[in-house]
PDB file of N, CA and C in Angstrom:
ATOM      1  N   MET A   1      -0.010   6.380   6.772  1.00  0.00           N
ATOM      2  CA  MET A   1       1.019   5.378   6.974  1.00  0.00           C
ATOM      3  C   MET A   1       1.286   4.602   5.677  1.00  0.00           C
ATOM      4  N   GLU A   2       0.218   4.125   5.041  1.00  0.00           N
ATOM      5  CA  GLU A   2       0.387   3.355   3.807  1.00  0.00           C
ATOM      6  C   GLU A   2       0.931   4.238   2.690  1.00  0.00           C
ATOM      7  N   GLN A   3       0.479   5.495   2.633  1.00  0.00           N
ATOM      8  CA  GLN A   3       0.974   6.392   1.596  1.00  0.00           C
ATOM      9  C   GLN A   3       2.459   6.659   1.791  1.00  0.00           C
ATOM     10  N   GLU A   4       2.894   6.797   3.040  1.00  0.00           N
ATOM     11  CA  GLU A   4       4.316   6.994   3.313  1.00  0.00           C
ATOM     12  C   GLU A   4       5.118   5.790   2.854  1.00  0.00           C
ATOM     13  N   ARG A   5       4.572   4.593   3.078  1.00  0.00           N
ATOM     14  CA  ARG A   5       5.263   3.370   2.665  1.00  0.00           C
ATOM     15  C   ARG A   5       5.379   3.310   1.146  1.00  0.00           C
ATOM     16  N   LEU A   6       4.305   3.700   0.450  1.00  0.00           N
ATOM     17  CA  LEU A   6       4.353   3.705  -1.013  1.00  0.00           C
ATOM     18  C   LEU A   6       5.364   4.732  -1.510  1.00  0.00           C
ATOM     19  N   ASN A   7       5.392   5.900  -0.890  1.00  0.00           N
ATOM     20  CA  ASN A   7       6.357   6.921  -1.300  1.00  0.00           C
ATOM     21  C   ASN A   7       7.775   6.447  -1.066  1.00  0.00           C
ATOM     22  N   HIS A   8       8.009   5.793   0.067  1.00  0.00           N
ATOM     23  CA  HIS A   8       9.341   5.266   0.365  1.00  0.00           C
ATOM     24  C   HIS A   8       9.718   4.191  -0.653  1.00  0.00           C
ATOM     25  N   SER A   9       8.746   3.361  -1.009  1.00  0.00           N
ATOM     26  CA  SER A   9       8.997   2.303  -1.988  1.00  0.00           C
ATOM     27  C   SER A   9       9.401   2.900  -3.330  1.00  0.00           C
ATOM     28  N   MET A  10       8.726   3.956  -3.757  1.00  0.00           N
ATOM     29  CA  MET A  10       9.038   4.566  -5.039  1.00  0.00           C
ATOM     30  C   MET A  10      10.358   5.342  -4.976  1.00  0.00           C
ATOM     31  N   ASP A  11      10.700   5.912  -3.813  1.00  0.00           N
ATOM     32  CA  ASP A  11      11.970   6.626  -3.680  1.00  0.00           C
ATOM     33  C   ASP A  11      13.149   5.683  -3.832  1.00  0.00           C
ATOM     34  N   ARG A  12      13.011   4.440  -3.348  1.00  0.00           N
ATOM     35  CA  ARG A  12      14.107   3.484  -3.418  1.00  0.00           C
ATOM     36  C   ARG A  12      14.357   3.048  -4.851  1.00  0.00           C
ATOM     37  N   ARG A  13      13.362   3.099  -5.680  1.00  0.00           N
ATOM     38  CA  ARG A  13      13.510   2.700  -7.075  1.00  0.00           C
ATOM     39  C   ARG A  13      13.770   3.958  -7.880  1.00  0.00           C
ATOM     40  N   LYS A  14      15.009   4.330  -7.966  1.00  0.00           N
ATOM     41  CA  LYS A  14      15.392   5.596  -8.589  1.00  0.00           C
ATOM     42  C   LYS A  14      15.137   5.564 -10.088  1.00  0.00           C
ATOM     43  N   ARG A  15      14.742   6.727 -10.602  1.00  0.00           N
ATOM     44  CA  ARG A  15      14.470   6.858 -12.029  1.00  0.00           C
ATOM     45  C   ARG A  15      15.769   6.722 -12.812  1.00  0.00           C
ATOM     46  N   ASN A  16      15.719   5.920 -13.853  1.00  0.00           N
ATOM     47  CA  ASN A  16      16.866   5.751 -14.734  1.00  0.00           C
ATOM     48  C   ASN A  16      16.997   7.012 -15.587  1.00  0.00           C
ATOM     49  N   ASN A  17      18.192   7.537 -15.731  1.00  0.00           N
ATOM     50  CA  ASN A  17      18.392   8.788 -16.462  1.00  0.00           C
ATOM     51  C   ASN A  17      18.077   8.672 -17.945  1.00  0.00           C
ATOM     52  N   SER A  18      18.176   7.482 -18.515  1.00  0.00           N
ATOM     53  CA  SER A  18      18.016   7.337 -19.956  1.00  0.00           C
ATOM     54  C   SER A  18      16.593   6.996 -20.381  1.00  0.00           C
ATOM     55  N   SER A  19      15.685   6.769 -19.444  1.00  0.00           N
ATOM     56  CA  SER A  19      14.316   6.439 -19.825  1.00  0.00           C
ATOM     57  C   SER A  19      13.359   6.929 -18.754  1.00  0.00           C
ATOM     58  N   SER A  20      12.076   6.770 -19.022  1.00  0.00           N
ATOM     59  CA  SER A  20      11.065   7.190 -18.061  1.00  0.00           C
ATOM     60  C   SER A  20      10.670   6.054 -17.130  1.00  0.00           C
ATOM     61  N   HIS A  21      11.361   4.940 -17.193  1.00  0.00           N
ATOM     62  CA  HIS A  21      11.018   3.779 -16.388  1.00  0.00           C
ATOM     63  C   HIS A  21      11.837   3.742 -15.111  1.00  0.00           C
ATOM     64  N   TYR A  22      11.331   3.005 -14.121  1.00  0.00           N
ATOM     65  CA  TYR A  22      12.068   2.767 -12.890  1.00  0.00           C
ATOM     66  C   TYR A  22      12.730   1.409 -12.989  1.00  0.00           C
ATOM     67  N   ARG A  23      13.983   1.327 -12.609  1.00  0.00           N
ATOM     68  CA  ARG A  23      14.714   0.066 -12.633  1.00  0.00           C
ATOM     69  C   ARG A  23      14.956  -0.371 -11.200  1.00  0.00           C
ATOM     70  N   ILE A  24      14.576  -1.612 -10.894  1.00  0.00           N
ATOM     71  CA  ILE A  24      14.815  -2.176  -9.575  1.00  0.00           C
ATOM     72  C   ILE A  24      16.168  -2.852  -9.616  1.00  0.00           C
ATOM     73  N   LYS A  25      17.062  -2.431  -8.747  1.00  0.00           N
ATOM     74  CA  LYS A  25      18.414  -2.978  -8.744  1.00  0.00           C
ATOM     75  C   LYS A  25      18.396  -4.382  -8.153  1.00  0.00           C
ATOM     76  N   THR A  26      18.968  -5.317  -8.888  1.00  0.00           N
ATOM     77  CA  THR A  26      19.071  -6.692  -8.416  1.00  0.00           C
ATOM     78  C   THR A  26      20.508  -7.144  -8.567  1.00  0.00           C
ATOM     79  N   GLY A  27      20.910  -8.069  -7.718  1.00  0.00           N
ATOM     80  CA  GLY A  27      22.285  -8.525  -7.745  1.00  0.00           C
ATOM     81  C   GLY A  27      22.528  -9.659  -8.709  1.00  0.00           C
ATOM     82  N   SER A  28      21.502 -10.394  -9.061  1.00  0.00           N
ATOM     83  CA  SER A  28      21.682 -11.551  -9.944  1.00  0.00           C
ATOM     84  C   SER A  28      21.442 -11.143 -11.391  1.00  0.00           C
ATOM     85  N   GLY A  29      21.253 -12.116 -12.265  1.00  0.00           N
ATOM     86  CA  GLY A  29      21.049 -11.849 -13.673  1.00  0.00           C
ATOM     87  C   GLY A  29      19.642 -11.431 -14.026  1.00  0.00           C
ATOM     88  N   VAL A  30      18.775 -11.260 -13.037  1.00  0.00           N
ATOM     89  CA  VAL A  30      17.392 -10.871 -13.282  1.00  0.00           C
ATOM     90  C   VAL A  30      17.295  -9.350 -13.265  1.00  0.00           C
ATOM     91  N   SER A  31      16.611  -8.798 -14.253  1.00  0.00           N
ATOM     92  CA  SER A  31      16.386  -7.359 -14.330  1.00  0.00           C
ATOM     93  C   SER A  31      14.885  -7.108 -14.255  1.00  0.00           C
ATOM     94  N   ILE A  32      14.471  -6.177 -13.396  1.00  0.00           N
ATOM     95  CA  ILE A  32      13.057  -5.848 -13.231  1.00  0.00           C
ATOM     96  C   ILE A  32      12.880  -4.370 -13.538  1.00  0.00           C
ATOM     97  N   LEU A  33      11.949  -4.072 -14.429  1.00  0.00           N
ATOM     98  CA  LEU A  33      11.689  -2.703 -14.857  1.00  0.00           C
ATOM     99  C   LEU A  33      10.234  -2.367 -14.569  1.00  0.00           C
ATOM    100  N   ILE A  34       9.974  -1.263 -13.868  1.00  0.00           N
ATOM    101  CA  ILE A  34       8.602  -0.805 -13.651  1.00  0.00           C
ATOM    102  C   ILE A  34       8.233   0.058 -14.854  1.00  0.00           C
ATOM    103  N   VAL A  35       7.343  -0.458 -15.690  1.00  0.00           N
ATOM    104  CA  VAL A  35       6.985   0.218 -16.937  1.00  0.00           C
ATOM    105  C   VAL A  35       5.855   1.214 -16.723  1.00  0.00           C
ATOM    106  N   ALA A  36       4.868   0.846 -15.912  1.00  0.00           N
ATOM    107  CA  ALA A  36       3.723   1.728 -15.697  1.00  0.00           C
ATOM    108  C   ALA A  36       3.210   1.561 -14.277  1.00  0.00           C
ATOM    109  N   SER A  37       2.704   2.645 -13.719  1.00  0.00           N
ATOM    110  CA  SER A  37       2.086   2.641 -12.392  1.00  0.00           C
ATOM    111  C   SER A  37       0.760   3.370 -12.485  1.00  0.00           C
ATOM    112  N   GLU A  38      -0.246   2.826 -11.809  1.00  0.00           N
ATOM    113  CA  GLU A  38      -1.558   3.462 -11.805  1.00  0.00           C
ATOM    114  C   GLU A  38      -2.105   3.424 -10.390  1.00  0.00           C
ATOM    115  N   TYR A  39      -2.517   4.584  -9.895  1.00  0.00           N
ATOM    116  CA  TYR A  39      -3.111   4.659  -8.567  1.00  0.00           C
ATOM    117  C   TYR A  39      -4.597   4.381  -8.675  1.00  0.00           C
ATOM    118  N   GLY A  40      -5.148   3.749  -7.634  1.00  0.00           N
ATOM    119  CA  GLY A  40      -6.562   3.411  -7.612  1.00  0.00           C
ATOM    120  C   GLY A  40      -7.400   4.548  -7.060  1.00  0.00           C
ATOM    121  N   ASN A  41      -8.615   4.217  -6.620  1.00  0.00           N
ATOM    122  CA  ASN A  41      -9.527   5.223  -6.084  1.00  0.00           C
ATOM    123  C   ASN A  41      -9.032   5.793  -4.766  1.00  0.00           C
ATOM    124  N   ARG A  42      -8.343   4.971  -3.968  1.00  0.00           N
ATOM    125  CA  ARG A  42      -7.748   5.438  -2.718  1.00  0.00           C
ATOM    126  C   ARG A  42      -6.258   5.646  -2.943  1.00  0.00           C
ATOM    127  N   ALA A  43      -5.671   6.494  -2.121  1.00  0.00           N
ATOM    128  CA  ALA A  43      -4.249   6.822  -2.298  1.00  0.00           C
ATOM    129  C   ALA A  43      -3.341   5.620  -2.087  1.00  0.00           C
ATOM    130  N   CYS A  44      -3.772   4.640  -1.303  1.00  0.00           N
ATOM    131  CA  CYS A  44      -2.907   3.501  -0.999  1.00  0.00           C
ATOM    132  C   CYS A  44      -3.052   2.364  -2.017  1.00  0.00           C
ATOM    133  N   GLU A  45      -3.938   2.473  -2.990  1.00  0.00           N
ATOM    134  CA  GLU A  45      -4.091   1.447  -4.016  1.00  0.00           C
ATOM    135  C   GLU A  45      -3.140   1.738  -5.173  1.00  0.00           C
ATOM    136  N   LEU A  46      -2.378   0.721  -5.571  1.00  0.00           N
ATOM    137  CA  LEU A  46      -1.382   0.915  -6.619  1.00  0.00           C
ATOM    138  C   LEU A  46      -1.278  -0.346  -7.463  1.00  0.00           C
ATOM    139  N   THR A  47      -1.300  -0.180  -8.782  1.00  0.00           N
ATOM    140  CA  THR A  47      -1.085  -1.273  -9.725  1.00  0.00           C
ATOM    141  C   THR A  47       0.133  -0.916 -10.563  1.00  0.00           C
ATOM    142  N   GLU A  48       1.080  -1.869 -10.673  1.00  0.00           N
ATOM    143  CA  GLU A  48       2.302  -1.628 -11.435  1.00  0.00           C
ATOM    144  C   GLU A  48       2.499  -2.735 -12.459  1.00  0.00           C
ATOM    145  N   LEU A  49       2.934  -2.352 -13.651  1.00  0.00           N
ATOM    146  CA  LEU A  49       3.321  -3.313 -14.680  1.00  0.00           C
ATOM    147  C   LEU A  49       4.835  -3.442 -14.633  1.00  0.00           C
ATOM    148  N   LEU A  50       5.315  -4.652 -14.381  1.00  0.00           N
ATOM    149  CA  LEU A  50       6.748  -4.930 -14.291  1.00  0.00           C
ATOM    150  C   LEU A  50       7.163  -5.771 -15.485  1.00  0.00           C
ATOM    151  N   LEU A  51       8.285  -5.433 -16.100  1.00  0.00           N
ATOM    152  CA  LEU A  51       8.886  -6.291 -17.121  1.00  0.00           C
ATOM    153  C   LEU A  51      10.094  -6.952 -16.486  1.00  0.00           C
ATOM    154  N   CYS A  52      10.081  -8.270 -16.448  1.00  0.00           N
ATOM    155  CA  CYS A  52      11.135  -9.033 -15.785  1.00  0.00           C
ATOM    156  C   CYS A  52      11.940  -9.768 -16.849  1.00  0.00           C
ATOM    157  N   HIS A  53      13.257  -9.570 -16.829  1.00  0.00           N
ATOM    158  CA  HIS A  53      14.149 -10.157 -17.828  1.00  0.00           C
ATOM    159  C   HIS A  53      15.141 -11.089 -17.147  1.00  0.00           C
ATOM    160  N   VAL A  54      15.379 -12.229 -17.766  1.00  0.00           N
ATOM    161  CA  VAL A  54      16.511 -13.084 -17.415  1.00  0.00           C
ATOM    162  C   VAL A  54      16.982 -13.704 -18.722  1.00  0.00           C
ATOM    163  N   GLY A  55      18.234 -13.491 -19.066  1.00  0.00           N
ATOM    164  CA  GLY A  55      18.744 -13.986 -20.342  1.00  0.00           C
ATOM    165  C   GLY A  55      17.955 -13.388 -21.491  1.00  0.00           C
ATOM    166  N   PHE A  56      17.389 -14.259 -22.319  1.00  0.00           N
ATOM    167  CA  PHE A  56      16.583 -13.809 -23.453  1.00  0.00           C
ATOM    168  C   PHE A  56      15.093 -13.909 -23.177  1.00  0.00           C
ATOM    169  N   LYS A  57      14.716 -14.224 -21.951  1.00  0.00           N
ATOM    170  CA  LYS A  57      13.310 -14.387 -21.594  1.00  0.00           C
ATOM    171  C   LYS A  57      12.802 -13.123 -20.900  1.00  0.00           C
ATOM    172  N   THR A  58      11.664 -12.617 -21.363  1.00  0.00           N
ATOM    173  CA  THR A  58      11.020 -11.452 -20.763  1.00  0.00           C
ATOM    174  C   THR A  58       9.589 -11.824 -20.416  1.00  0.00           C
ATOM    175  N   VAL A  59       9.183 -11.521 -19.188  1.00  0.00           N
ATOM    176  CA  VAL A  59       7.849 -11.867 -18.716  1.00  0.00           C
ATOM    177  C   VAL A  59       7.196 -10.615 -18.127  1.00  0.00           C
ATOM    178  N   PRO A  60       5.990 -10.244 -18.604  1.00  0.00           N
ATOM    179  CA  PRO A  60       5.277  -9.136 -17.963  1.00  0.00           C
ATOM    180  C   PRO A  60       4.568  -9.634 -16.702  1.00  0.00           C
ATOM    181  N   VAL A  61       4.750  -8.924 -15.609  1.00  0.00           N
ATOM    182  CA  VAL A  61       4.143  -9.265 -14.323  1.00  0.00           C
ATOM    183  C   VAL A  61       3.410  -8.029 -13.827  1.00  0.00           C
ATOM    184  N   VAL A  62       2.221  -8.225 -13.250  1.00  0.00           N
ATOM    185  CA  VAL A  62       1.434  -7.120 -12.716  1.00  0.00           C
ATOM    186  C   VAL A  62       1.381  -7.256 -11.200  1.00  0.00           C
ATOM    187  N   SER A  63       1.708  -6.177 -10.496  1.00  0.00           N
ATOM    188  CA  SER A  63       1.597  -6.170  -9.037  1.00  0.00           C
ATOM    189  C   SER A  63       0.419  -5.284  -8.649  1.00  0.00           C
ATOM    190  N   VAL A  64      -0.401  -5.785  -7.722  1.00  0.00           N
ATOM    191  CA  VAL A  64      -1.586  -5.059  -7.275  1.00  0.00           C
ATOM    192  C   VAL A  64      -1.515  -4.922  -5.762  1.00  0.00           C
ATOM    193  N   SER A  65      -1.505  -3.682  -5.290  1.00  0.00           N
ATOM    194  CA  SER A  65      -1.496  -3.394  -3.860  1.00  0.00           C
ATOM    195  C   SER A  65      -2.783  -2.666  -3.512  1.00  0.00           C
ATOM    196  N   LYS A  66      -3.548  -3.220  -2.587  1.00  0.00           N
ATOM    197  CA  LYS A  66      -4.805  -2.601  -2.166  1.00  0.00           C
ATOM    198  C   LYS A  66      -4.641  -1.781  -0.893  1.00  0.00           C
ATOM    199  N   GLY A  67      -3.417  -1.725  -0.352  1.00  0.00           N
ATOM    200  CA  GLY A  67      -3.185  -0.953   0.856  1.00  0.00           C
ATOM    201  C   GLY A  67      -3.444  -1.711   2.134  1.00  0.00           C
ATOM    202  N   ASN A  68      -3.629  -3.029   2.038  1.00  0.00           N
ATOM    203  CA  ASN A  68      -3.897  -3.835   3.222  1.00  0.00           C
ATOM    204  C   ASN A  68      -2.649  -4.537   3.751  1.00  0.00           C
ATOM    205  N   GLY A  69      -1.491  -4.175   3.245  1.00  0.00           N
ATOM    206  CA  GLY A  69      -0.247  -4.780   3.713  1.00  0.00           C
ATOM    207  C   GLY A  69       0.225  -5.943   2.865  1.00  0.00           C
ATOM    208  N   TYR A  70      -0.536  -6.296   1.823  1.00  0.00           N
ATOM    209  CA  TYR A  70      -0.157  -7.397   0.942  1.00  0.00           C
ATOM    210  C   TYR A  70      -0.173  -6.939  -0.506  1.00  0.00           C
ATOM    211  N   VAL A  71       0.681  -7.545  -1.297  1.00  0.00           N
ATOM    212  CA  VAL A  71       0.768  -7.259  -2.727  1.00  0.00           C
ATOM    213  C   VAL A  71       0.560  -8.570  -3.465  1.00  0.00           C
ATOM    214  N   ARG A  72      -0.289  -8.547  -4.478  1.00  0.00           N
ATOM    215  CA  ARG A  72      -0.518  -9.743  -5.286  1.00  0.00           C
ATOM    216  C   ARG A  72       0.200  -9.579  -6.614  1.00  0.00           C
ATOM    217  N   LEU A  73       0.912 -10.624  -7.020  1.00  0.00           N
ATOM    218  CA  LEU A  73       1.631 -10.632  -8.295  1.00  0.00           C
ATOM    219  C   LEU A  73       0.923 -11.580  -9.251  1.00  0.00           C
ATOM    220  N   TYR A  74       0.618 -11.099 -10.450  1.00  0.00           N
ATOM    221  CA  TYR A  74      -0.058 -11.877 -11.483  1.00  0.00           C
ATOM    222  C   TYR A  74       0.816 -11.934 -12.723  1.00  0.00           C
ATOM    223  N   SER A  75       0.700 -13.002 -13.484  1.00  0.00           N
ATOM    224  CA  SER A  75       1.210 -12.953 -14.852  1.00  0.00           C
ATOM    225  C   SER A  75       0.232 -12.072 -15.633  1.00  0.00           C
ATOM    226  N   TRP A  76       0.664 -11.536 -16.752  1.00  0.00           N
ATOM    227  CA  TRP A  76      -0.199 -10.644 -17.529  1.00  0.00           C
ATOM    228  C   TRP A  76      -1.497 -11.336 -17.930  1.00  0.00           C
ATOM    229  N   GLU A  77      -1.400 -12.586 -18.371  1.00  0.00           N
ATOM    230  CA  GLU A  77      -2.585 -13.321 -18.811  1.00  0.00           C
ATOM    231  C   GLU A  77      -3.568 -13.515 -17.661  1.00  0.00           C
ATOM    232  N   ASN A  78      -3.066 -13.857 -16.475  1.00  0.00           N
ATOM    233  CA  ASN A  78      -3.945 -14.065 -15.326  1.00  0.00           C
ATOM    234  C   ASN A  78      -4.582 -12.761 -14.857  1.00  0.00           C
ATOM    235  N   TYR A  79      -3.844 -11.665 -14.937  1.00  0.00           N
ATOM    236  CA  TYR A  79      -4.397 -10.367 -14.546  1.00  0.00           C
ATOM    237  C   TYR A  79      -5.549  -9.969 -15.468  1.00  0.00           C
ATOM    238  N   VAL A  80      -5.364 -10.144 -16.761  1.00  0.00           N
ATOM    239  CA  VAL A  80      -6.429  -9.825 -17.719  1.00  0.00           C
ATOM    240  C   VAL A  80      -7.631 -10.735 -17.500  1.00  0.00           C
ATOM    241  N   ALA A  81      -7.400 -12.023 -17.255  1.00  0.00           N
ATOM    242  CA  ALA A  81      -8.502 -12.959 -17.024  1.00  0.00           C
ATOM    243  C   ALA A  81      -9.311 -12.562 -15.795  1.00  0.00           C
ATOM    244  N   GLU A  82      -8.638 -12.127 -14.737  1.00  0.00           N
ATOM    245  CA  GLU A  82      -9.356 -11.775 -13.509  1.00  0.00           C
ATOM    246  C   GLU A  82     -10.055 -10.426 -13.608  1.00  0.00           C
ATOM    247  N   THR A  83      -9.399  -9.428 -14.171  1.00  0.00           N
ATOM    248  CA  THR A  83      -9.991  -8.089 -14.190  1.00  0.00           C
ATOM    249  C   THR A  83     -10.983  -7.886 -15.332  1.00  0.00           C
ATOM    250  N   CYS A  84     -10.736  -8.468 -16.478  1.00  0.00           N
ATOM    251  CA  CYS A  84     -11.607  -8.239 -17.638  1.00  0.00           C
ATOM    252  C   CYS A  84     -12.703  -9.286 -17.787  1.00  0.00           C
ATOM    253  N   TYR A  85     -12.391 -10.531 -17.466  1.00  0.00           N
ATOM    254  CA  TYR A  85     -13.334 -11.621 -17.705  1.00  0.00           C
ATOM    255  C   TYR A  85     -13.903 -12.218 -16.431  1.00  0.00           C
ATOM    256  N   ASP A  86     -13.594 -11.641 -15.273  1.00  0.00           N
ATOM    257  CA  ASP A  86     -14.096 -12.091 -13.966  1.00  0.00           C
ATOM    258  C   ASP A  86     -13.870 -13.574 -13.720  1.00  0.00           C
ATOM    259  N   LYS A  87     -12.742 -14.084 -14.157  1.00  0.00           N
ATOM    260  CA  LYS A  87     -12.381 -15.477 -13.901  1.00  0.00           C
ATOM    261  C   LYS A  87     -11.429 -15.528 -12.715  1.00  0.00           C
ATOM    262  N   ASP A  88     -11.455 -16.640 -11.991  1.00  0.00           N
ATOM    263  CA  ASP A  88     -10.487 -16.825 -10.913  1.00  0.00           C
ATOM    264  C   ASP A  88      -9.129 -17.093 -11.533  1.00  0.00           C
ATOM    265  N   ALA A  89      -8.133 -16.352 -11.094  1.00  0.00           N
ATOM    266  CA  ALA A  89      -6.796 -16.479 -11.669  1.00  0.00           C
ATOM    267  C   ALA A  89      -5.779 -16.715 -10.562  1.00  0.00           C
ATOM    268  N   GLU A  90      -4.719 -17.416 -10.916  1.00  0.00           N
ATOM    269  CA  GLU A  90      -3.644 -17.666  -9.965  1.00  0.00           C
ATOM    270  C   GLU A  90      -2.847 -16.393  -9.747  1.00  0.00           C
ATOM    271  N   SER A  91      -2.434 -16.192  -8.498  1.00  0.00           N
ATOM    272  CA  SER A  91      -1.566 -15.063  -8.178  1.00  0.00           C
ATOM    273  C   SER A  91      -0.689 -15.449  -6.998  1.00  0.00           C
ATOM    274  N   ILE A  92       0.362 -14.701  -6.813  1.00  0.00           N
ATOM    275  CA  ILE A  92       1.281 -14.894  -5.705  1.00  0.00           C
ATOM    276  C   ILE A  92       1.057 -13.740  -4.739  1.00  0.00           C
ATOM    277  N   SER A  93       0.931 -14.046  -3.456  1.00  0.00           N
ATOM    278  CA  SER A  93       0.723 -13.012  -2.454  1.00  0.00           C
ATOM    279  C   SER A  93       2.005 -12.799  -1.660  1.00  0.00           C
ATOM    280  N   LEU A  94       2.451 -11.546  -1.592  1.00  0.00           N
ATOM    281  CA  LEU A  94       3.628 -11.158  -0.812  1.00  0.00           C
ATOM    282  C   LEU A  94       3.218 -10.082   0.181  1.00  0.00           C
ATOM    283  N   SER A  95       3.899 -10.025   1.314  1.00  0.00           N
ATOM    284  CA  SER A  95       3.663  -8.909   2.225  1.00  0.00           C
ATOM    285  C   SER A  95       4.288  -7.654   1.617  1.00  0.00           C
ATOM    286  N   GLN A  96       3.846  -6.498   2.083  1.00  0.00           N
ATOM    287  CA  GLN A  96       4.386  -5.243   1.560  1.00  0.00           C
ATOM    288  C   GLN A  96       5.886  -5.144   1.831  1.00  0.00           C
ATOM    289  N   ASP A  97       6.329  -5.669   2.981  1.00  0.00           N
ATOM    290  CA  ASP A  97       7.761  -5.634   3.309  1.00  0.00           C
ATOM    291  C   ASP A  97       8.571  -6.501   2.356  1.00  0.00           C
ATOM    292  N   GLU A  98       8.034  -7.675   1.994  1.00  0.00           N
ATOM    293  CA  GLU A  98       8.721  -8.543   1.029  1.00  0.00           C
ATOM    294  C   GLU A  98       8.782  -7.877  -0.345  1.00  0.00           C
ATOM    295  N   TYR A  99       7.709  -7.195  -0.721  1.00  0.00           N
ATOM    296  CA  TYR A  99       7.670  -6.515  -2.014  1.00  0.00           C
ATOM    297  C   TYR A  99       8.659  -5.351  -2.057  1.00  0.00           C
ATOM    298  N   ASP A 100       8.807  -4.643  -0.952  1.00  0.00           N
ATOM    299  CA  ASP A 100       9.722  -3.497  -0.900  1.00  0.00           C
ATOM    300  C   ASP A 100      11.185  -3.915  -0.845  1.00  0.00           C
ATOM    301  N   ASP A 101      11.463  -5.130  -0.385  1.00  0.00           N
ATOM    302  CA  ASP A 101      12.842  -5.631  -0.335  1.00  0.00           C
ATOM    303  C   ASP A 101      13.204  -6.164  -1.723  1.00  0.00           C
ATOM    304  N   ASP A 102      14.159  -5.517  -2.383  1.00  0.00           N
ATOM    305  CA  ASP A 102      14.499  -5.872  -3.763  1.00  0.00           C
ATOM    306  C   ASP A 102      14.958  -7.317  -3.905  1.00  0.00           C
ATOM    307  N   ALA A 103      15.720  -7.829  -2.944  1.00  0.00           N
ATOM    308  CA  ALA A 103      16.224  -9.202  -3.034  1.00  0.00           C
ATOM    309  C   ALA A 103      15.087 -10.218  -2.920  1.00  0.00           C
ATOM    310  N   LEU A 104      14.138  -9.990  -2.009  1.00  0.00           N
ATOM    311  CA  LEU A 104      13.014 -10.918  -1.853  1.00  0.00           C
ATOM    312  C   LEU A 104      12.065 -10.857  -3.047  1.00  0.00           C
ATOM    313  N   LEU A 105      11.834  -9.658  -3.577  1.00  0.00           N
ATOM    314  CA  LEU A 105      11.000  -9.526  -4.777  1.00  0.00           C
ATOM    315  C   LEU A 105      11.653 -10.241  -5.950  1.00  0.00           C
ATOM    316  N   ASN A 106      12.943 -10.057  -6.097  1.00  0.00           N
ATOM    317  CA  ASN A 106      13.691 -10.720  -7.157  1.00  0.00           C
ATOM    318  C   ASN A 106      13.575 -12.240  -7.039  1.00  0.00           C
ATOM    319  N   ALA A 107      13.738 -12.767  -5.836  1.00  0.00           N
ATOM    320  CA  ALA A 107      13.654 -14.214  -5.622  1.00  0.00           C
ATOM    321  C   ALA A 107      12.258 -14.742  -5.936  1.00  0.00           C
ATOM    322  N   ALA A 108      11.213 -14.019  -5.530  1.00  0.00           N
ATOM    323  CA  ALA A 108       9.841 -14.462  -5.796  1.00  0.00           C
ATOM    324  C   ALA A 108       9.538 -14.451  -7.288  1.00  0.00           C
ATOM    325  N   ILE A 109       9.948 -13.406  -7.985  1.00  0.00           N
ATOM    326  CA  ILE A 109       9.694 -13.330  -9.427  1.00  0.00           C
ATOM    327  C   ILE A 109      10.477 -14.406 -10.164  1.00  0.00           C
ATOM    328  N   GLU A 110      11.713 -14.613  -9.753  1.00  0.00           N
ATOM    329  CA  GLU A 110      12.528 -15.643 -10.400  1.00  0.00           C
ATOM    330  C   GLU A 110      11.934 -17.031 -10.177  1.00  0.00           C
ATOM    331  N   LYS A 111      11.433 -17.294  -8.984  1.00  0.00           N
ATOM    332  CA  LYS A 111      10.889 -18.619  -8.659  1.00  0.00           C
ATOM    333  C   LYS A 111       9.561 -18.889  -9.364  1.00  0.00           C
ATOM    334  N   TYR A 112       8.652 -17.910  -9.349  1.00  0.00           N
ATOM    335  CA  TYR A 112       7.297 -18.162  -9.831  1.00  0.00           C
ATOM    336  C   TYR A 112       7.044 -17.755 -11.279  1.00  0.00           C
ATOM    337  N   PHE A 113       7.815 -16.831 -11.819  1.00  0.00           N
ATOM    338  CA  PHE A 113       7.509 -16.326 -13.153  1.00  0.00           C
ATOM    339  C   PHE A 113       8.596 -16.571 -14.190  1.00  0.00           C
ATOM    340  N   LEU A 114       9.842 -16.729 -13.781  1.00  0.00           N
ATOM    341  CA  LEU A 114      10.929 -16.861 -14.744  1.00  0.00           C
ATOM    342  C   LEU A 114      11.508 -18.261 -14.811  1.00  0.00           C
ATOM    343  N   THR A 115      10.797 -19.248 -14.312  1.00  0.00           N
ATOM    344  CA  THR A 115      11.280 -20.622 -14.409  1.00  0.00           C
ATOM    345  C   THR A 115      10.977 -21.165 -15.794  1.00  0.00           C
ATOM    346  N   LEU A 116      11.733 -22.150 -16.201  1.00  0.00           N
ATOM    347  CA  LEU A 116      11.529 -22.732 -17.528  1.00  0.00           C
ATOM    348  C   LEU A 116      10.358 -23.698 -17.555  1.00  0.00           C
ATOM    349  N   THR A 117      10.001 -24.259 -16.411  1.00  0.00           N
ATOM    350  CA  THR A 117       8.868 -25.177 -16.336  1.00  0.00           C
ATOM    351  C   THR A 117       7.825 -24.595 -15.406  1.00  0.00           C
ATOM    352  N   LYS A 118       6.585 -25.017 -15.561  1.00  0.00           N
ATOM    353  CA  LYS A 118       5.495 -24.540 -14.719  1.00  0.00           C
ATOM    354  C   LYS A 118       5.654 -25.096 -13.315  1.00  0.00           C
ATOM    355  N   GLN A 119       5.303 -24.276 -12.309  1.00  0.00           N
ATOM    356  CA  GLN A 119       5.366 -24.703 -10.907  1.00  0.00           C
ATOM    357  C   GLN A 119       4.134 -25.510 -10.569  1.00  0.00           C
TER     358      GLN A 119
END
């Protein structure tokens, strides 16, 4: 079931003809690019590196899905702090359905990662 959901999620994000990256279609001025994907030890575990652009600002965001129905979004610095240095890091938790919906993912990234001031 989870593998089917992941496959459906990747099918919706069609490969861009000019590059090896996946582009998530958004209606606003925010552009989200899936730069890298890595599967974990189980088939339902997936880590993705997203590059999020708005105007001249670009923010790397890491999404981690453990297959439990939730996806955690980290800033690059927080992801490195948690995985490499075993520090508690801030992250945003979304349901898998919210993550798969391009408009909701766009809104969450814009609110938590692309704001000009810290939340």
